[in-house]
C-alpha atoms as a PDB file:
ATOM      1  CA  MET A   1      19.085  10.727 175.789  1.00  0.00           C
ATOM      2  CA  THR A   2      20.839   8.445 178.217  1.00  0.00           C
ATOM      3  CA  VAL A   3      24.326   8.335 179.659  1.00  0.00           C
ATOM      4  CA  ARG A   4      25.541   4.803 178.992  1.00  0.00           C
ATOM      5  CA  PRO A   5      28.132   2.873 181.000  1.00  0.00           C
ATOM      6  CA  ILE A   6      31.601   3.054 179.446  1.00  0.00           C
ATOM      7  CA  THR A   7      33.494  -0.182 178.857  1.00  0.00           C
ATOM      8  CA  ILE A   8      36.979  -0.343 180.320  1.00  0.00           C
ATOM      9  CA  VAL A   9      40.144  -2.152 179.317  1.00  0.00           C
ATOM     10  CA  GLY A  10      39.597  -5.896 179.399  1.00  0.00           C
ATOM     11  CA  HIS A  11      36.022  -5.704 178.120  1.00  0.00           C
ATOM     12  CA  ARG A  12      35.533  -7.930 175.085  1.00  0.00           C
ATOM     13  CA  ALA A  13      33.869  -5.162 173.029  1.00  0.00           C
ATOM     14  CA  LEU A  14      37.124  -3.198 172.984  1.00  0.00           C
ATOM     15  CA  SER A  15      39.099  -5.916 171.215  1.00  0.00           C
ATOM     16  CA  GLN A  16      36.639  -6.669 168.414  1.00  0.00           C
ATOM     17  CA  ARG A  17      36.391  -5.079 164.985  1.00  0.00           C
ATOM     18  CA  THR A  18      33.174  -3.225 164.344  1.00  0.00           C
ATOM     19  CA  ARG A  19      30.489  -3.815 161.716  1.00  0.00           C
ATOM     20  CA  ARG A  20      29.787  -1.399 158.898  1.00  0.00           C
ATOM     21  CA  VAL A  21      26.562   0.605 159.272  1.00  0.00           C
ATOM     22  CA  ARG A  22      24.301  -0.172 156.316  1.00  0.00           C
ATOM     23  CA  GLN A  23      21.234   1.801 157.349  1.00  0.00           C
ATOM     24  CA  VAL A  24      20.587   4.617 159.811  1.00  0.00           C
ATOM     25  CA  THR A  25      17.688   3.491 161.984  1.00  0.00           C
ATOM     26  CA  ASP A  26      15.936   5.133 164.924  1.00  0.00           C
ATOM     27  CA  GLU A  27      17.927   2.781 167.162  1.00  0.00           C
ATOM     28  CA  LEU A  28      21.186   4.051 165.649  1.00  0.00           C
ATOM     29  CA  ARG A  29      20.091   7.678 166.075  1.00  0.00           C
ATOM     30  CA  THR A  30      19.384   6.954 169.737  1.00  0.00           C
ATOM     31  CA  LEU A  31      22.803   5.334 170.103  1.00  0.00           C
ATOM     32  CA  VAL A  32      24.502   8.432 168.657  1.00  0.00           C
ATOM     33  CA  ALA A  33      22.505  10.812 170.903  1.00  0.00           C
ATOM     34  CA  ASP A  34      23.395   8.669 173.919  1.00  0.00           C
ATOM     35  CA  MET A  35      27.050   8.623 172.881  1.00  0.00           C
ATOM     36  CA  PHE A  36      27.148  12.438 172.775  1.00  0.00           C
ATOM     37  CA  GLU A  37      25.479  12.556 176.197  1.00  0.00           C
ATOM     38  CA  THR A  38      27.924   9.974 177.591  1.00  0.00           C
ATOM     39  CA  ASN A  39      30.981  11.685 176.094  1.00  0.00           C
ATOM     40  CA  ASP A  40      29.872  15.039 177.522  1.00  0.00           C
ATOM     41  CA  ALA A  41      29.211  13.535 180.970  1.00  0.00           C
ATOM     42  CA  ALA A  42      32.685  11.983 180.965  1.00  0.00           C
ATOM     43  CA  ASN A  43      34.420  15.112 179.590  1.00  0.00           C
ATOM     44  CA  GLY A  44      35.760  13.092 176.669  1.00  0.00           C
ATOM     45  CA  ALA A  45      37.301  14.266 173.396  1.00  0.00           C
ATOM     46  CA  GLY A  46      35.571  11.416 171.580  1.00  0.00           C
ATOM     47  CA  LEU A  47      33.743   8.175 172.066  1.00  0.00           C
ATOM     48  CA  ALA A  48      33.583   5.146 169.781  1.00  0.00           C
ATOM     49  CA  ALA A  49      30.632   2.761 169.701  1.00  0.00           C
ATOM     50  CA  PRO A  50      32.579  -0.162 171.279  1.00  0.00           C
ATOM     51  CA  GLN A  51      33.162   2.024 174.333  1.00  0.00           C
ATOM     52  CA  VAL A  52      29.443   1.768 175.085  1.00  0.00           C
ATOM     53  CA  GLY A  53      29.266  -1.897 174.121  1.00  0.00           C
ATOM     54  CA  SER A  54      28.063  -1.476 170.518  1.00  0.00           C
ATOM     55  CA  ARG A  55      29.661  -3.123 167.489  1.00  0.00           C
ATOM     56  CA  TRP A  56      28.705  -0.434 164.938  1.00  0.00           C
ATOM     57  CA  ARG A  57      31.455   1.402 163.021  1.00  0.00           C
ATOM     58  CA  LEU A  58      30.903   4.957 164.221  1.00  0.00           C
ATOM     59  CA  PHE A  59      32.225   7.505 166.672  1.00  0.00           C
ATOM     60  CA  VAL A  60      31.398  10.938 168.043  1.00  0.00           C
ATOM     61  CA  TYR A  61      33.918  13.670 168.776  1.00  0.00           C
ATOM     62  CA  SER A  62      33.927  16.958 170.669  1.00  0.00           C
ATOM     63  CA  CYS A  63      37.329  18.601 170.946  1.00  0.00           C
ATOM     64  CA  GLU A  64      39.459  21.459 169.672  1.00  0.00           C
ATOM     65  CA  ASP A  65      41.339  21.417 166.406  1.00  0.00           C
ATOM     66  CA  ALA A  66      44.803  22.935 165.911  1.00  0.00           C
ATOM     67  CA  SER A  67      43.314  26.450 165.628  1.00  0.00           C
ATOM     68  CA  GLY A  68      41.533  26.118 168.987  1.00  0.00           C
ATOM     69  CA  THR A  69      38.066  25.797 167.417  1.00  0.00           C
ATOM     70  CA  LEU A  70      35.709  23.336 169.106  1.00  0.00           C
ATOM     71  CA  ARG A  71      34.678  20.686 166.588  1.00  0.00           C
ATOM     72  CA  ARG A  72      31.793  18.341 167.283  1.00  0.00           C
ATOM     73  CA  GLY A  73      30.163  15.651 165.188  1.00  0.00           C
ATOM     74  CA  VAL A  74      29.568  12.040 164.316  1.00  0.00           C
ATOM     75  CA  VAL A  75      31.295   9.949 161.651  1.00  0.00           C
ATOM     76  CA  ILE A  76      29.686   6.746 160.430  1.00  0.00           C
ATOM     77  CA  ASN A  77      31.830   4.166 158.623  1.00  0.00           C
ATOM     78  CA  PRO A  78      34.974   6.308 158.845  1.00  0.00           C
ATOM     79  CA  VAL A  79      37.970   5.688 156.634  1.00  0.00           C
ATOM     80  CA  LEU A  80      41.139   7.097 158.185  1.00  0.00           C
ATOM     81  CA  GLU A  81      44.000   8.726 156.324  1.00  0.00           C
ATOM     82  CA  ARG A  82      47.092   9.665 158.330  1.00  0.00           C
ATOM     83  CA  PHE A  83      49.591  12.254 157.137  1.00  0.00           C
ATOM     84  CA  GLY A  84      52.569  14.187 158.411  1.00  0.00           C
ATOM     85  CA  GLY A  85      55.330  12.647 160.436  1.00  0.00           C
ATOM     86  CA  ILE A  86      54.833  10.464 163.462  1.00  0.00           C
ATOM     87  CA  GLU A  87      55.320  12.415 166.670  1.00  0.00           C
ATOM     88  CA  LEU A  88      55.986  11.269 170.199  1.00  0.00           C
ATOM     89  CA  ASP A  89      55.952  14.189 172.598  1.00  0.00           C
ATOM     90  CA  ALA A  90      56.770  13.173 176.168  1.00  0.00           C
ATOM     91  CA  GLU A  91      54.703  16.145 177.409  1.00  0.00           C
ATOM     92  CA  THR A  92      51.529  15.178 175.511  1.00  0.00           C
ATOM     93  CA  LEU A  93      49.661  12.443 177.314  1.00  0.00           C
ATOM     94  CA  GLU A  94      46.997  10.492 175.489  1.00  0.00           C
ATOM     95  CA  GLY A  95      44.189   9.190 177.629  1.00  0.00           C
ATOM     96  CA  CYS A  96      41.080   7.122 177.044  1.00  0.00           C
ATOM     97  CA  LEU A  97      37.703   6.888 178.732  1.00  0.00           C
ATOM     98  CA  SER A  98      38.159   3.106 178.630  1.00  0.00           C
ATOM     99  CA  VAL A  99      41.440   3.381 180.570  1.00  0.00           C
ATOM    100  CA  PRO A 100      40.187   5.753 183.282  1.00  0.00           C
ATOM    101  CA  GLY A 101      42.635   8.065 184.957  1.00  0.00           C
ATOM    102  CA  GLU A 102      45.694   7.097 182.958  1.00  0.00           C
ATOM    103  CA  GLY A 103      47.602   8.877 180.227  1.00  0.00           C
ATOM    104  CA  PHE A 104      50.820   8.101 178.412  1.00  0.00           C
ATOM    105  CA  PRO A 105      52.825   9.665 175.582  1.00  0.00           C
ATOM    106  CA  THR A 106      51.647   7.853 172.456  1.00  0.00           C
ATOM    107  CA  ALA A 107      53.159   8.084 168.981  1.00  0.00           C
ATOM    108  CA  ARG A 108      50.633   9.392 166.445  1.00  0.00           C
ATOM    109  CA  HIS A 109      50.799  10.967 163.008  1.00  0.00           C
ATOM    110  CA  ARG A 110      50.703  14.747 163.102  1.00  0.00           C
ATOM    111  CA  GLY A 111      47.673  14.900 160.828  1.00  0.00           C
ATOM    112  CA  ALA A 112      44.560  12.855 160.213  1.00  0.00           C
ATOM    113  CA  ARG A 113      41.553  12.930 157.936  1.00  0.00           C
ATOM    114  CA  VAL A 114      38.465  10.746 158.164  1.00  0.00           C
ATOM    115  CA  ARG A 115      35.830  10.333 155.500  1.00  0.00           C
ATOM    116  CA  GLY A 116      32.452   8.868 156.254  1.00  0.00           C
ATOM    117  CA  THR A 117      28.822   9.904 156.515  1.00  0.00           C
ATOM    118  CA  ASP A 118      26.599  11.630 159.032  1.00  0.00           C
ATOM    119  CA  LEU A 119      23.174  10.537 160.296  1.00  0.00           C
ATOM    120  CA  GLU A 120      21.518  11.961 157.185  1.00  0.00           C
ATOM    121  CA  GLY A 121      23.788  10.028 154.824  1.00  0.00           C
ATOM    122  CA  ALA A 122      25.722  13.114 153.744  1.00  0.00           C
ATOM    123  CA  GLU A 123      29.458  12.772 153.196  1.00  0.00           C
ATOM    124  CA  VAL A 124      31.574  13.988 156.092  1.00  0.00           C
ATOM    125  CA  VAL A 125      35.258  14.855 155.934  1.00  0.00           C
ATOM    126  CA  VAL A 126      36.956  15.798 159.200  1.00  0.00           C
ATOM    127  CA  GLU A 127      40.612  16.853 159.148  1.00  0.00           C
ATOM    128  CA  ASP A 128      43.154  18.325 161.499  1.00  0.00           C
ATOM    129  CA  GLU A 129      46.904  18.676 161.695  1.00  0.00           C
ATOM    130  CA  GLY A 130      48.743  19.213 164.948  1.00  0.00           C
ATOM    131  CA  GLY A 131      45.707  19.483 167.195  1.00  0.00           C
ATOM    132  CA  VAL A 132      43.836  17.344 169.682  1.00  0.00           C
ATOM    133  CA  LEU A 133      41.318  16.545 166.953  1.00  0.00           C
ATOM    134  CA  ALA A 134      43.989  14.879 164.762  1.00  0.00           C
ATOM    135  CA  ARG A 135      44.943  12.624 167.650  1.00  0.00           C
ATOM    136  CA  ALA A 136      41.285  11.941 168.542  1.00  0.00           C
ATOM    137  CA  LEU A 137      40.418  10.889 164.978  1.00  0.00           C
ATOM    138  CA  GLN A 138      43.222   8.312 165.002  1.00  0.00           C
ATOM    139  CA  HIS A 139      42.328   7.175 168.524  1.00  0.00           C
ATOM    140  CA  GLU A 140      38.623   6.641 167.761  1.00  0.00           C
ATOM    141  CA  VAL A 141      39.251   4.739 164.512  1.00  0.00           C
ATOM    142  CA  ASP A 142      41.655   2.508 166.462  1.00  0.00           C
ATOM    143  CA  HIS A 143      38.717   1.621 168.739  1.00  0.00           C
ATOM    144  CA  LEU A 144      36.654   0.657 165.705  1.00  0.00           C
ATOM    145  CA  ASP A 145      39.463  -1.686 164.641  1.00  0.00           C
ATOM    146  CA  GLY A 146      39.573  -3.364 168.072  1.00  0.00           C
ATOM    147  CA  MET A 147      42.647  -1.518 169.310  1.00  0.00           C
ATOM    148  CA  LEU A 148      43.322   0.602 172.403  1.00  0.00           C
ATOM    149  CA  TYR A 149      45.994   3.270 172.612  1.00  0.00           C
ATOM    150  CA  LEU A 150      47.681   0.958 175.136  1.00  0.00           C
ATOM    151  CA  ASP A 151      48.368  -1.400 172.222  1.00  0.00           C
ATOM    152  CA  ARG A 152      50.635   1.291 170.774  1.00  0.00           C
ATOM    153  CA  LEU A 153      52.787   1.413 173.928  1.00  0.00           C
ATOM    154  CA  SER A 154      55.754  -0.756 174.813  1.00  0.00           C
ATOM    155  CA  PRO A 155      54.812  -3.913 176.770  1.00  0.00           C
ATOM    156  CA  THR A 156      56.379  -2.492 179.938  1.00  0.00           C
ATOM    157  CA  VAL A 157      54.429   0.775 179.766  1.00  0.00           C
ATOM    158  CA  LYS A 158      51.238  -1.106 178.880  1.00  0.00           C
ATOM    159  CA  ARG A 159      51.627  -3.296 181.994  1.00  0.00           C
ATOM    160  CA  GLU A 160      52.260  -0.143 184.057  1.00  0.00           C
ATOM    161  CA  ALA A 161      48.979   1.303 182.751  1.00  0.00           C
ATOM    162  CA  LEU A 162      46.982  -1.849 183.530  1.00  0.00           C
ATOM    163  CA  ASP A 163      48.472  -2.024 187.031  1.00  0.00           C
ATOM    164  CA  ALA A 164      47.619   1.648 187.609  1.00  0.00           C
ATOM    165  CA  VAL A 165      44.001   1.076 186.542  1.00  0.00           C
ATOM    166  CA  ARG A 166      43.763  -1.797 189.063  1.00  0.00           C
ATOM    167  CA  ASP A 167      45.474   0.266 191.778  1.00  0.00           C
ATOM    168  CA  ARG A 168      42.963   3.084 191.321  1.00  0.00           C
ATOM    169  CA  GLY A 169      40.179   0.642 192.068  1.00  0.00           C
ATOM    170  CA  TRP A 170      38.908   0.237 188.514  1.00  0.00           C
ATOM    171  CA  ARG A 171      38.219  -3.396 187.750  1.00  0.00           C
ATOM    172  CA  VAL A 172      39.952  -5.007 184.832  1.00  0.00           C
ATOM    173  CA  ASP A 173      38.062  -8.265 185.221  1.00  0.00           C
ATOM    174  CA  GLY A 174      34.442  -9.003 185.995  1.00  0.00           C
ATOM    175  CA  ILE A 175      32.019  -6.221 185.074  1.00  0.00           C
ATOM    176  CA  LEU A 176      34.114  -3.865 183.014  1.00  0.00           C
ATOM    177  CA  THR A 177      32.212  -0.592 182.803  1.00  0.00           C
ATOM    178  CA  TRP A 178      31.921   2.694 184.666  1.00  0.00           C
ATOM    179  CA  ASP A 179      29.035   5.146 184.755  1.00  0.00           C
ATOM    180  CA  PRO A 180      30.069   8.798 184.314  1.00  0.00           C
ATOM    181  CA  ARG A 181      26.938   9.891 186.233  1.00  0.00           C
ATOM    182  CA  GLU A 182      27.893   7.926 189.335  1.00  0.00           C
ATOM    183  CA  LEU A 183      31.675   7.882 189.322  1.00  0.00           C
ATOM    184  CA  GLU A 184      34.133  10.501 188.291  1.00  0.00           C
ATOM    185  CA  ALA A 185      37.097   9.228 186.329  1.00  0.00           C
ATOM    186  CA  PRO A 186      40.387  10.399 187.817  1.00  0.00           C
ATOM    187  CA  GLU A 187      42.076  13.204 185.908  1.00  0.00           C
ATOM    188  CA  VAL A 188      44.906  12.273 183.568  1.00  0.00           C
END
């Protein structure tokens, strides 16, 4: 397993839609193992394939659900279903490994369910309501659709976030990745 560099805001991979996985290959299994390793090294709640420069429609997650239970897994070709009202809690900051060190209140549905498959081709259904996992499921599927959580913010707040990333010394042009083994992302 390898910790892969994480793409940051401005990287082309983050604005492109992903491709459906048609077959689980050894290469795809390696990608998923590396994504778990990378997510763990970066202390992330989840990591989508575009965040490591891949165009496949899959993500890994490792975070608590509403009951406080740690949930961990992979979802290939997820289909997202949102439910419950949309919430915007000024105290709950959403962050992203591709926007290192920043976090902003972001409106999300209270609940989310994704359906997809695992590496063995078995159906996977992951659901949460009111927990970090519900937010993470929505966040990761956004990545697969070429969207960052910044795209859900007002233009003024989005500009503030991009300026803060630059001010912290993270590049938003040129080579747009960071290595969790070599650099520690600032805390949100």
